Each structure stands twice: as C-alpha cells, then as structure tokens.
C-alpha atoms as a PDB file:
ATOM      1  CA  MET A   1     129.593  29.015 123.828  1.00  0.00           C
ATOM      2  CA  ASN A   2     131.473  31.996 125.290  1.00  0.00           C
ATOM      3  CA  ARG A   3     131.880  33.496 121.823  1.00  0.00           C
ATOM      4  CA  LEU A   4     128.174  33.008 121.119  1.00  0.00           C
ATOM      5  CA  HIS A   5     127.296  34.642 124.427  1.00  0.00           C
ATOM      6  CA  VAL A   6     129.505  37.631 123.600  1.00  0.00           C
ATOM      7  CA  VAL A   7     127.834  38.009 120.181  1.00  0.00           C
ATOM      8  CA  ARG A   8     124.351  37.870 121.680  1.00  0.00           C
ATOM      9  CA  ALA A   9     125.235  40.332 124.442  1.00  0.00           C
ATOM     10  CA  SER A  10     126.826  42.706 121.927  1.00  0.00           C
ATOM     11  CA  GLY A  11     123.754  42.555 119.698  1.00  0.00           C
ATOM     12  CA  LEU A  12     121.484  43.231 122.666  1.00  0.00           C
ATOM     13  CA  TYR A  13     123.532  46.224 123.818  1.00  0.00           C
ATOM     14  CA  LEU A  14     123.650  47.579 120.276  1.00  0.00           C
ATOM     15  CA  ALA A  15     119.862  47.310 119.948  1.00  0.00           C
ATOM     16  CA  LEU A  16     119.375  49.028 123.315  1.00  0.00           C
ATOM     17  CA  CYS A  17     121.720  51.833 122.300  1.00  0.00           C
ATOM     18  CA  LEU A  18     119.829  52.375 119.046  1.00  0.00           C
ATOM     19  CA  VAL A  19     116.469  52.444 120.830  1.00  0.00           C
ATOM     20  CA  SER A  20     117.848  54.841 123.445  1.00  0.00           C
ATOM     21  CA  ALA A  21     119.235  57.114 120.735  1.00  0.00           C
ATOM     22  CA  LEU A  22     115.864  57.197 118.971  1.00  0.00           C
ATOM     23  CA  MET A  23     114.121  58.083 122.229  1.00  0.00           C
ATOM     24  CA  LEU A  24     116.623  60.859 122.960  1.00  0.00           C
ATOM     25  CA  LEU A  25     116.362  62.487 119.522  1.00  0.00           C
ATOM     26  CA  PRO A  26     113.277  64.610 120.386  1.00  0.00           C
ATOM     27  CA  PHE A  27     114.966  65.832 123.576  1.00  0.00           C
ATOM     28  CA  ALA A  28     118.119  66.728 121.638  1.00  0.00           C
ATOM     29  CA  TRP A  29     116.023  68.679 119.120  1.00  0.00           C
ATOM     30  CA  VAL A  30     114.379  70.617 121.966  1.00  0.00           C
ATOM     31  CA  VAL A  31     117.759  71.490 123.505  1.00  0.00           C
ATOM     32  CA  PHE A  32     119.242  72.593 120.166  1.00  0.00           C
ATOM     33  CA  GLY A  33     116.101  74.528 119.268  1.00  0.00           C
ATOM     34  CA  SER A  34     116.178  76.519 122.500  1.00  0.00           C
ATOM     35  CA  PHE A  35     119.352  78.236 121.263  1.00  0.00           C
ATOM     36  CA  LYS A  36     117.878  79.220 117.893  1.00  0.00           C
ATOM     37  CA  THR A  37     116.476  82.587 116.914  1.00  0.00           C
ATOM     38  CA  GLN A  38     113.088  83.018 115.285  1.00  0.00           C
ATOM     39  CA  GLY A  39     114.877  83.771 112.001  1.00  0.00           C
ATOM     40  CA  GLU A  40     116.660  80.423 112.094  1.00  0.00           C
ATOM     41  CA  PHE A  41     113.367  78.581 112.506  1.00  0.00           C
ATOM     42  CA  THR A  42     111.860  80.524 109.612  1.00  0.00           C
ATOM     43  CA  ALA A  43     114.845  79.982 107.306  1.00  0.00           C
ATOM     44  CA  ASN A  44     115.354  76.293 108.096  1.00  0.00           C
ATOM     45  CA  PRO A  45     112.454  74.771 110.082  1.00  0.00           C
ATOM     46  CA  GLY A  46     113.894  71.261 110.008  1.00  0.00           C
ATOM     47  CA  GLY A  47     117.444  72.201 110.913  1.00  0.00           C
ATOM     48  CA  TRP A  48     119.062  70.675 113.952  1.00  0.00           C
ATOM     49  CA  LEU A  49     122.081  72.691 115.055  1.00  0.00           C
ATOM     50  CA  PRO A  50     121.783  76.392 115.935  1.00  0.00           C
ATOM     51  CA  GLU A  51     124.169  78.937 114.522  1.00  0.00           C
ATOM     52  CA  SER A  52     125.576  79.536 118.007  1.00  0.00           C
ATOM     53  CA  PHE A  53     125.192  77.773 121.341  1.00  0.00           C
ATOM     54  CA  ALA A  54     126.109  81.064 123.023  1.00  0.00           C
ATOM     55  CA  ASN A  55     122.749  82.553 122.087  1.00  0.00           C
ATOM     56  CA  LEU A  56     120.855  82.618 125.395  1.00  0.00           C
ATOM     57  CA  GLN A  57     118.315  85.220 124.322  1.00  0.00           C
ATOM     58  CA  ASN A  58     115.385  82.834 124.648  1.00  0.00           C
ATOM     59  CA  PHE A  59     116.271  82.032 128.256  1.00  0.00           C
ATOM     60  CA  VAL A  60     116.891  85.717 129.036  1.00  0.00           C
ATOM     61  CA  VAL A  61     113.472  86.678 127.676  1.00  0.00           C
ATOM     62  CA  LEU A  62     111.890  83.767 129.552  1.00  0.00           C
ATOM     63  CA  PHE A  63     113.303  84.656 132.958  1.00  0.00           C
ATOM     64  CA  THR A  64     112.895  88.416 132.572  1.00  0.00           C
ATOM     65  CA  GLU A  65     109.251  88.119 131.599  1.00  0.00           C
ATOM     66  CA  GLU A  66     107.216  89.390 134.554  1.00  0.00           C
ATOM     67  CA  ALA A  67     104.482  86.767 134.239  1.00  0.00           C
ATOM     68  CA  PHE A  68     106.929  83.833 134.183  1.00  0.00           C
ATOM     69  CA  GLY A  69     107.466  83.968 137.950  1.00  0.00           C
ATOM     70  CA  GLY A  70     103.722  83.784 138.525  1.00  0.00           C
ATOM     71  CA  PHE A  71     103.369  80.808 136.193  1.00  0.00           C
ATOM     72  CA  LEU A  72     106.197  79.046 138.015  1.00  0.00           C
ATOM     73  CA  VAL A  73     104.744  79.718 141.472  1.00  0.00           C
ATOM     74  CA  ASN A  74     101.306  78.477 140.392  1.00  0.00           C
ATOM     75  CA  SER A  75     102.796  75.260 138.999  1.00  0.00           C
ATOM     76  CA  ILE A  76     104.795  74.682 142.186  1.00  0.00           C
ATOM     77  CA  ILE A  77     101.691  75.168 144.359  1.00  0.00           C
ATOM     78  CA  VAL A  78      99.547  72.884 142.183  1.00  0.00           C
ATOM     79  CA  SER A  79     102.198  70.147 142.019  1.00  0.00           C
ATOM     80  CA  ALA A  80     103.117  70.314 145.720  1.00  0.00           C
ATOM     81  CA  VAL A  81      99.502  70.104 146.920  1.00  0.00           C
ATOM     82  CA  THR A  82      98.733  67.339 144.417  1.00  0.00           C
ATOM     83  CA  VAL A  83     101.711  65.227 145.474  1.00  0.00           C
ATOM     84  CA  LEU A  84     101.077  65.658 149.214  1.00  0.00           C
ATOM     85  CA  ALA A  85      97.355  64.941 148.861  1.00  0.00           C
ATOM     86  CA  ASN A  86      97.921  61.820 146.776  1.00  0.00           C
ATOM     87  CA  VAL A  87     100.586  60.470 149.119  1.00  0.00           C
ATOM     88  CA  LEU A  88      98.253  60.911 152.110  1.00  0.00           C
ATOM     89  CA  PHE A  89      94.870  59.953 150.660  1.00  0.00           C
ATOM     90  CA  CYS A  90      96.119  57.158 148.359  1.00  0.00           C
ATOM     91  CA  SER A  91      98.101  55.581 151.189  1.00  0.00           C
ATOM     92  CA  MET A  92      95.001  55.727 153.406  1.00  0.00           C
ATOM     93  CA  ALA A  93      92.919  54.100 150.694  1.00  0.00           C
ATOM     94  CA  GLY A  94      95.622  51.514 150.035  1.00  0.00           C
ATOM     95  CA  TYR A  95      95.834  50.698 153.742  1.00  0.00           C
ATOM     96  CA  ALA A  96      92.067  50.218 153.991  1.00  0.00           C
ATOM     97  CA  LEU A  97      91.815  48.105 150.835  1.00  0.00           C
ATOM     98  CA  ALA A  98      94.753  45.879 151.802  1.00  0.00           C
ATOM     99  CA  LYS A  99      94.604  45.581 155.590  1.00  0.00           C
ATOM    100  CA  LEU A 100      91.090  46.373 156.834  1.00  0.00           C
ATOM    101  CA  PRO A 101      88.432  43.686 156.232  1.00  0.00           C
ATOM    102  CA  PHE A 102      85.059  45.226 155.443  1.00  0.00           C
ATOM    103  CA  ARG A 103      82.065  44.412 153.269  1.00  0.00           C
ATOM    104  CA  GLY A 104      82.423  45.613 149.680  1.00  0.00           C
ATOM    105  CA  ARG A 105      86.216  45.859 149.730  1.00  0.00           C
ATOM    106  CA  GLY A 106      86.534  43.819 146.547  1.00  0.00           C
ATOM    107  CA  LEU A 107      83.888  45.942 144.831  1.00  0.00           C
ATOM    108  CA  LEU A 108      85.727  49.140 145.750  1.00  0.00           C
ATOM    109  CA  MET A 109      88.996  47.745 144.430  1.00  0.00           C
ATOM    110  CA  GLY A 110      87.191  46.846 141.212  1.00  0.00           C
ATOM    111  CA  CYS A 111      85.978  50.444 140.952  1.00  0.00           C
ATOM    112  CA  VAL A 112      89.568  51.646 141.315  1.00  0.00           C
ATOM    113  CA  LEU A 113      90.673  49.349 138.489  1.00  0.00           C
ATOM    114  CA  VAL A 114      87.806  50.532 136.287  1.00  0.00           C
ATOM    115  CA  ALA A 115      88.678  54.167 137.030  1.00  0.00           C
ATOM    116  CA  MET A 116      92.235  53.494 135.827  1.00  0.00           C
ATOM    117  CA  THR A 117      90.905  52.426 132.435  1.00  0.00           C
ATOM    118  CA  VAL A 118      88.493  55.340 131.861  1.00  0.00           C
ATOM    119  CA  PRO A 119      89.942  57.925 129.424  1.00  0.00           C
ATOM    120  CA  TYR A 120      90.320  61.353 130.950  1.00  0.00           C
ATOM    121  CA  VAL A 121      88.397  63.035 128.133  1.00  0.00           C
ATOM    122  CA  ALA A 122      85.323  61.028 129.155  1.00  0.00           C
ATOM    123  CA  LEU A 123      85.370  62.757 132.559  1.00  0.00           C
ATOM    124  CA  PHE A 124      86.329  66.207 131.342  1.00  0.00           C
ATOM    125  CA  VAL A 125      82.822  67.659 130.866  1.00  0.00           C
ATOM    126  CA  PRO A 126      81.343  66.335 134.171  1.00  0.00           C
ATOM    127  CA  GLN A 127      84.400  67.560 136.076  1.00  0.00           C
ATOM    128  CA  PHE A 128      84.106  71.010 134.523  1.00  0.00           C
ATOM    129  CA  LEU A 129      80.363  71.252 135.328  1.00  0.00           C
ATOM    130  CA  ILE A 130      81.040  70.268 138.953  1.00  0.00           C
ATOM    131  CA  THR A 131      83.857  72.822 139.134  1.00  0.00           C
ATOM    132  CA  VAL A 132      81.512  75.537 137.854  1.00  0.00           C
ATOM    133  CA  GLN A 133      78.804  74.600 140.373  1.00  0.00           C
ATOM    134  CA  LEU A 134      81.335  74.723 143.219  1.00  0.00           C
ATOM    135  CA  GLY A 135      82.514  78.165 142.126  1.00  0.00           C
ATOM    136  CA  LEU A 136      86.100  77.005 141.630  1.00  0.00           C
ATOM    137  CA  VAL A 137      86.578  78.249 138.056  1.00  0.00           C
ATOM    138  CA  ASN A 138      89.662  80.479 137.653  1.00  0.00           C
ATOM    139  CA  THR A 139      91.168  79.292 140.949  1.00  0.00           C
ATOM    140  CA  LEU A 140      94.113  77.072 141.808  1.00  0.00           C
ATOM    141  CA  ALA A 141      91.736  74.966 143.901  1.00  0.00           C
ATOM    142  CA  GLY A 142      89.710  74.243 140.768  1.00  0.00           C
ATOM    143  CA  ILE A 143      92.858  73.087 138.971  1.00  0.00           C
ATOM    144  CA  ILE A 144      93.964  70.912 141.889  1.00  0.00           C
ATOM    145  CA  ALA A 145      90.649  69.308 142.885  1.00  0.00           C
ATOM    146  CA  PRO A 146      90.335  66.618 140.145  1.00  0.00           C
ATOM    147  CA  MET A 147      93.890  65.413 140.862  1.00  0.00           C
ATOM    148  CA  LEU A 148      93.714  65.093 144.653  1.00  0.00           C
ATOM    149  CA  VAL A 149      93.290  61.292 144.525  1.00  0.00           C
ATOM    150  CA  MET A 150      94.457  59.395 141.451  1.00  0.00           C
ATOM    151  CA  PRO A 151      93.305  55.784 140.912  1.00  0.00           C
ATOM    152  CA  LEU A 152      96.815  54.730 139.890  1.00  0.00           C
ATOM    153  CA  GLY A 153      98.153  56.019 143.206  1.00  0.00           C
ATOM    154  CA  VAL A 154      95.556  54.024 145.146  1.00  0.00           C
ATOM    155  CA  PHE A 155      96.449  50.907 143.172  1.00  0.00           C
ATOM    156  CA  ILE A 156     100.193  51.277 143.775  1.00  0.00           C
ATOM    157  CA  MET A 157      99.736  51.920 147.500  1.00  0.00           C
ATOM    158  CA  ARG A 158      97.381  48.976 147.872  1.00  0.00           C
ATOM    159  CA  GLN A 159      99.719  46.619 146.036  1.00  0.00           C
ATOM    160  CA  PHE A 160     102.682  47.674 148.156  1.00  0.00           C
ATOM    161  CA  ALA A 161     100.599  47.416 151.337  1.00  0.00           C
ATOM    162  CA  LEU A 162      99.980  43.743 150.589  1.00  0.00           C
ATOM    163  CA  SER A 163     103.705  43.087 151.079  1.00  0.00           C
ATOM    164  CA  ILE A 164     103.633  44.389 154.678  1.00  0.00           C
ATOM    165  CA  PRO A 165     103.127  41.506 157.152  1.00  0.00           C
ATOM    166  CA  ASP A 166      99.759  41.448 158.890  1.00  0.00           C
ATOM    167  CA  GLU A 167     101.505  40.181 162.039  1.00  0.00           C
ATOM    168  CA  LEU A 168     103.280  43.526 162.395  1.00  0.00           C
ATOM    169  CA  LEU A 169      99.995  45.416 162.454  1.00  0.00           C
ATOM    170  CA  GLU A 170      98.333  42.868 164.724  1.00  0.00           C
ATOM    171  CA  ALA A 171     101.169  43.226 167.242  1.00  0.00           C
ATOM    172  CA  ALA A 172     100.558  46.979 167.312  1.00  0.00           C
ATOM    173  CA  ARG A 173      96.832  46.425 167.888  1.00  0.00           C
ATOM    174  CA  ILE A 174      97.588  44.051 170.764  1.00  0.00           C
ATOM    175  CA  ASP A 175      99.772  46.768 172.309  1.00  0.00           C
ATOM    176  CA  GLY A 176      96.769  49.076 172.221  1.00  0.00           C
ATOM    177  CA  ALA A 177      97.533  51.205 169.177  1.00  0.00           C
ATOM    178  CA  GLY A 178      94.573  52.588 167.239  1.00  0.00           C
ATOM    179  CA  GLU A 179      94.177  52.423 163.486  1.00  0.00           C
ATOM    180  CA  PHE A 180      95.364  56.009 162.967  1.00  0.00           C
ATOM    181  CA  GLY A 181      98.374  55.369 165.184  1.00  0.00           C
ATOM    182  CA  ILE A 182      99.197  52.187 163.273  1.00  0.00           C
ATOM    183  CA  PHE A 183      98.817  54.007 159.976  1.00  0.00           C
ATOM    184  CA  PHE A 184     100.974  57.027 160.784  1.00  0.00           C
ATOM    185  CA  ARG A 185     103.571  55.420 163.064  1.00  0.00           C
ATOM    186  CA  ILE A 186     104.030  51.959 161.519  1.00  0.00           C
ATOM    187  CA  PHE A 187     102.422  51.648 158.093  1.00  0.00           C
ATOM    188  CA  LEU A 188     103.315  54.993 156.497  1.00  0.00           C
ATOM    189  CA  PRO A 189     107.066  54.868 157.334  1.00  0.00           C
ATOM    190  CA  LEU A 190     107.290  51.503 155.532  1.00  0.00           C
ATOM    191  CA  LEU A 191     105.904  52.922 152.277  1.00  0.00           C
ATOM    192  CA  GLY A 192     109.105  54.583 151.060  1.00  0.00           C
ATOM    193  CA  PRO A 193     109.250  52.980 147.572  1.00  0.00           C
ATOM    194  CA  ALA A 194     105.493  53.362 147.037  1.00  0.00           C
ATOM    195  CA  ILE A 195     105.577  56.996 148.161  1.00  0.00           C
ATOM    196  CA  ALA A 196     108.425  57.715 145.752  1.00  0.00           C
ATOM    197  CA  THR A 197     106.535  56.052 142.896  1.00  0.00           C
ATOM    198  CA  VAL A 198     103.286  57.890 143.560  1.00  0.00           C
ATOM    199  CA  SER A 199     105.161  61.168 144.028  1.00  0.00           C
ATOM    200  CA  ILE A 200     106.836  60.892 140.637  1.00  0.00           C
ATOM    201  CA  PHE A 201     103.633  59.922 138.813  1.00  0.00           C
ATOM    202  CA  THR A 202     101.517  62.640 140.421  1.00  0.00           C
ATOM    203  CA  PHE A 203     104.192  65.322 140.087  1.00  0.00           C
ATOM    204  CA  LEU A 204     104.661  64.464 136.427  1.00  0.00           C
ATOM    205  CA  ALA A 205     100.907  64.559 135.785  1.00  0.00           C
ATOM    206  CA  SER A 206     100.261  67.827 137.645  1.00  0.00           C
ATOM    207  CA  TRP A 207     103.415  69.631 136.501  1.00  0.00           C
ATOM    208  CA  ASN A 208     102.805  68.897 132.817  1.00  0.00           C
ATOM    209  CA  PHE A 209      98.996  69.115 132.881  1.00  0.00           C
ATOM    210  CA  PHE A 210      97.842  71.424 130.093  1.00  0.00           C
ATOM    211  CA  LEU A 211      94.238  70.891 128.973  1.00  0.00           C
ATOM    212  CA  TRP A 212      92.470  71.145 132.340  1.00  0.00           C
ATOM    213  CA  PRO A 213      94.335  74.277 133.571  1.00  0.00           C
ATOM    214  CA  LEU A 214      93.808  75.835 130.137  1.00  0.00           C
ATOM    215  CA  VAL A 215      90.025  75.500 130.523  1.00  0.00           C
ATOM    216  CA  VAL A 216      89.696  76.271 134.240  1.00  0.00           C
ATOM    217  CA  ALA A 217      92.123  79.203 134.392  1.00  0.00           C
ATOM    218  CA  GLN A 218      90.567  82.302 132.864  1.00  0.00           C
ATOM    219  CA  THR A 219      93.141  84.968 133.732  1.00  0.00           C
ATOM    220  CA  GLU A 220      96.920  85.163 133.572  1.00  0.00           C
ATOM    221  CA  ASP A 221      97.399  85.175 137.350  1.00  0.00           C
ATOM    222  CA  VAL A 222      96.021  81.605 137.562  1.00  0.00           C
ATOM    223  CA  PHE A 223      97.916  80.130 134.593  1.00  0.00           C
ATOM    224  CA  THR A 224     100.297  77.270 135.299  1.00  0.00           C
ATOM    225  CA  LEU A 225     103.663  77.018 133.574  1.00  0.00           C
ATOM    226  CA  PRO A 226     102.661  74.924 130.511  1.00  0.00           C
ATOM    227  CA  VAL A 227      99.611  77.093 129.816  1.00  0.00           C
ATOM    228  CA  GLY A 228     101.469  80.347 130.403  1.00  0.00           C
ATOM    229  CA  LEU A 229     104.337  79.350 128.132  1.00  0.00           C
ATOM    230  CA  ALA A 230     101.993  78.259 125.354  1.00  0.00           C
ATOM    231  CA  ILE A 231     100.157  81.590 125.444  1.00  0.00           C
ATOM    232  CA  ALA A 232     103.253  83.752 125.971  1.00  0.00           C
ATOM    233  CA  SER A 233     104.969  82.158 122.957  1.00  0.00           C
ATOM    234  CA  GLN A 234     102.229  83.430 120.633  1.00  0.00           C
ATOM    235  CA  GLN A 235     103.551  86.664 119.195  1.00  0.00           C
ATOM    236  CA  ALA A 236     101.890  88.581 116.336  1.00  0.00           C
ATOM    237  CA  ASN A 237     100.003  85.519 115.052  1.00  0.00           C
ATOM    238  CA  THR A 238     103.227  83.476 115.010  1.00  0.00           C
ATOM    239  CA  THR A 239     104.752  81.037 117.484  1.00  0.00           C
ATOM    240  CA  ALA A 240     108.064  81.958 119.115  1.00  0.00           C
ATOM    241  CA  TYR A 241     109.473  78.463 118.879  1.00  0.00           C
ATOM    242  CA  GLY A 242     112.780  79.268 120.548  1.00  0.00           C
ATOM    243  CA  LEU A 243     111.026  80.735 123.573  1.00  0.00           C
ATOM    244  CA  LEU A 244     108.633  77.785 123.694  1.00  0.00           C
ATOM    245  CA  LEU A 245     111.483  75.246 123.585  1.00  0.00           C
ATOM    246  CA  ALA A 246     113.440  77.121 126.245  1.00  0.00           C
ATOM    247  CA  GLY A 247     110.344  76.954 128.413  1.00  0.00           C
ATOM    248  CA  ALA A 248     110.026  73.230 127.684  1.00  0.00           C
ATOM    249  CA  ILE A 249     113.509  72.694 129.104  1.00  0.00           C
ATOM    250  CA  VAL A 250     112.567  74.612 132.264  1.00  0.00           C
ATOM    251  CA  VAL A 251     109.436  72.463 132.611  1.00  0.00           C
ATOM    252  CA  LEU A 252     111.440  69.274 132.050  1.00  0.00           C
ATOM    253  CA  LEU A 253     114.276  69.907 134.517  1.00  0.00           C
ATOM    254  CA  PRO A 254     112.319  69.462 137.795  1.00  0.00           C
ATOM    255  CA  VAL A 255     110.926  66.148 136.584  1.00  0.00           C
ATOM    256  CA  LEU A 256     114.401  64.860 135.681  1.00  0.00           C
ATOM    257  CA  ILE A 257     115.866  66.006 138.990  1.00  0.00           C
ATOM    258  CA  LEU A 258     113.063  64.372 140.972  1.00  0.00           C
ATOM    259  CA  PHE A 259     113.431  61.111 139.062  1.00  0.00           C
ATOM    260  CA  LEU A 260     117.222  61.049 139.507  1.00  0.00           C
ATOM    261  CA  PHE A 261     116.836  61.395 143.278  1.00  0.00           C
ATOM    262  CA  LEU A 262     114.005  58.861 143.589  1.00  0.00           C
ATOM    263  CA  GLN A 263     114.748  56.398 140.792  1.00  0.00           C
ATOM    264  CA  ARG A 264     115.947  53.634 143.138  1.00  0.00           C
ATOM    265  CA  TYR A 265     112.736  53.783 145.178  1.00  0.00           C
ATOM    266  CA  PHE A 266     110.672  54.258 142.023  1.00  0.00           C
ATOM    267  CA  ILE A 267     111.945  51.032 140.447  1.00  0.00           C
ATOM    268  CA  GLN A 268     111.481  49.161 143.713  1.00  0.00           C
ATOM    269  CA  GLY A 269     107.922  50.447 144.056  1.00  0.00           C
ATOM    270  CA  ILE A 270     106.997  49.467 140.505  1.00  0.00           C
ATOM    271  CA  ALA A 271     108.499  46.007 140.959  1.00  0.00           C
ATOM    272  CA  THR A 272     106.620  45.476 144.226  1.00  0.00           C
ATOM    273  CA  ALA A 273     103.333  46.626 142.717  1.00  0.00           C
ATOM    274  CA  GLY A 274     103.758  44.168 139.869  1.00  0.00           C
ATOM    275  CA  LEU A 275     104.502  41.185 142.090  1.00  0.00           C
ATOM    276  CA  LYS A 276     101.276  41.251 144.099  1.00  0.00           C
END
C-alpha cells in the first residue's frame, strides 16, 4: 500500500509539474523576447533564446521614453481609485445584502448574479453612450467610472459577510452603535481576506484593461500603460516586439508583487466565498 501511495503521489506531482511548465511557457517566451532586437524577431520569429541576455536596449528605450511616465502615472491613478472604490462600495453592498433585512434583498442579489454573467461587450456601447452624455470622454474619470463597483466584488464581500456572526453586530447595536459605526469599526476590520481578494481582482482588471481605455482616451496624456505601450510599439508600420514585450514585463510585475503579498488572504477569501 505504501508503494502504491508513493507511485500515485509521484504521478500526481509529475502531472502538476507538466501542467505548470505548460502554463509558464508563454511567460518565459515574453521574458526571453524582451532581450531580443527587432532584427532577431525578423530573422527568426519563432526563436526562443536571444543572442544576448545583456541586451537591455528595449528597457532603456522604454524608461527613457518621455510618454512612458505619463502612461504609468495614469495606470496607477486608475488602478488605485478603482481598488479603493470597490473595497468601499462592494463591502457596503455586501454588508447590506448579508446583514440588513429589507424588502427586495433577494431580488437585488439575483441582479448581482445576473450582472456577473453578462459579457462585457454587451455593455460596451451603452456605457460609451452614457460616458459621452456625461462629458467624460478623454478623461481618467471616464475610464474609471464603469469599474467603480464590480458585481464580482459585491458577491465576494456578501459571501464573506455571511460568515460574520450576527450576534456580534447585535451586541454593537445594543450598545448604541449606529449602522455606519458598526460597518466601519466592527464589520470592515473583519474583512481582511475578502478585501485582499477584491483588491487583487479589481487591480488586475483595471491595470490590464485595454479596450475601454483605448476607446475613451483620445489623446496621449490620458492613455493608460497597456494602451500607451501598444501604440508606442508601432514604428514605421511595424511592431517593435522587443519593446512591447519589455513593456509587458513592466505591466506584469505589479500584479505579481501584489499577489505574492496577499496570496494567503486571497486564498482564504476565495475559500470562504465558496463555502457560503
């Protein structure tokens, strides 16, 4: 039995290693490609290894480009506001849907679930028309507005809120605390795993968002990092693939760093949301 267990465990680990290697291949190709020159891509488009890993020209061009700093600042502003807004508004919605009895609560939760299933492209045209009518085209506010409250964030917060004992909130009400006091002083501090989960999801969505900023932003000073890199990499009717891949690494690093710091809370938040 022990030998059979060892064989099964070895087979499982081998399969997991193979799957992990397959998932990491695209990332490895991006890293290797960021060190290549345009001539290397032209001569051997499918090649993996660059001629030299000491070639940092793509990164030098990227960070010395005047517009790159503006793209980076715009992306940081969009992502920071989106994360903070979703943490606040989604936690408020989750608190109301989980802990406050009111007529139509089930219907509202059903609307949240339906909103999670609607493809984004189905909402793209109405959102753009509303943005035009509000005069928010070519502004960071116009880029941020559709992402201020994400249905997935409301769902995660509501599911985690169900795990908080009602007796704790009732004791605060008996002591004379109001709903806002209960929310900010008792409920919100208990949402650590849910906050980490929502923060990662919303940061990932806003940081990597391409289509909506591409349409809303009309001038270079409003471009976010993905849009700016895509446009800046177009040189003389050709794509500067090395520059584009170097930019992809820069875009990827903040997401990886955030996940590494919050992964423990992220996993806990996902597990809690799935149990309720």
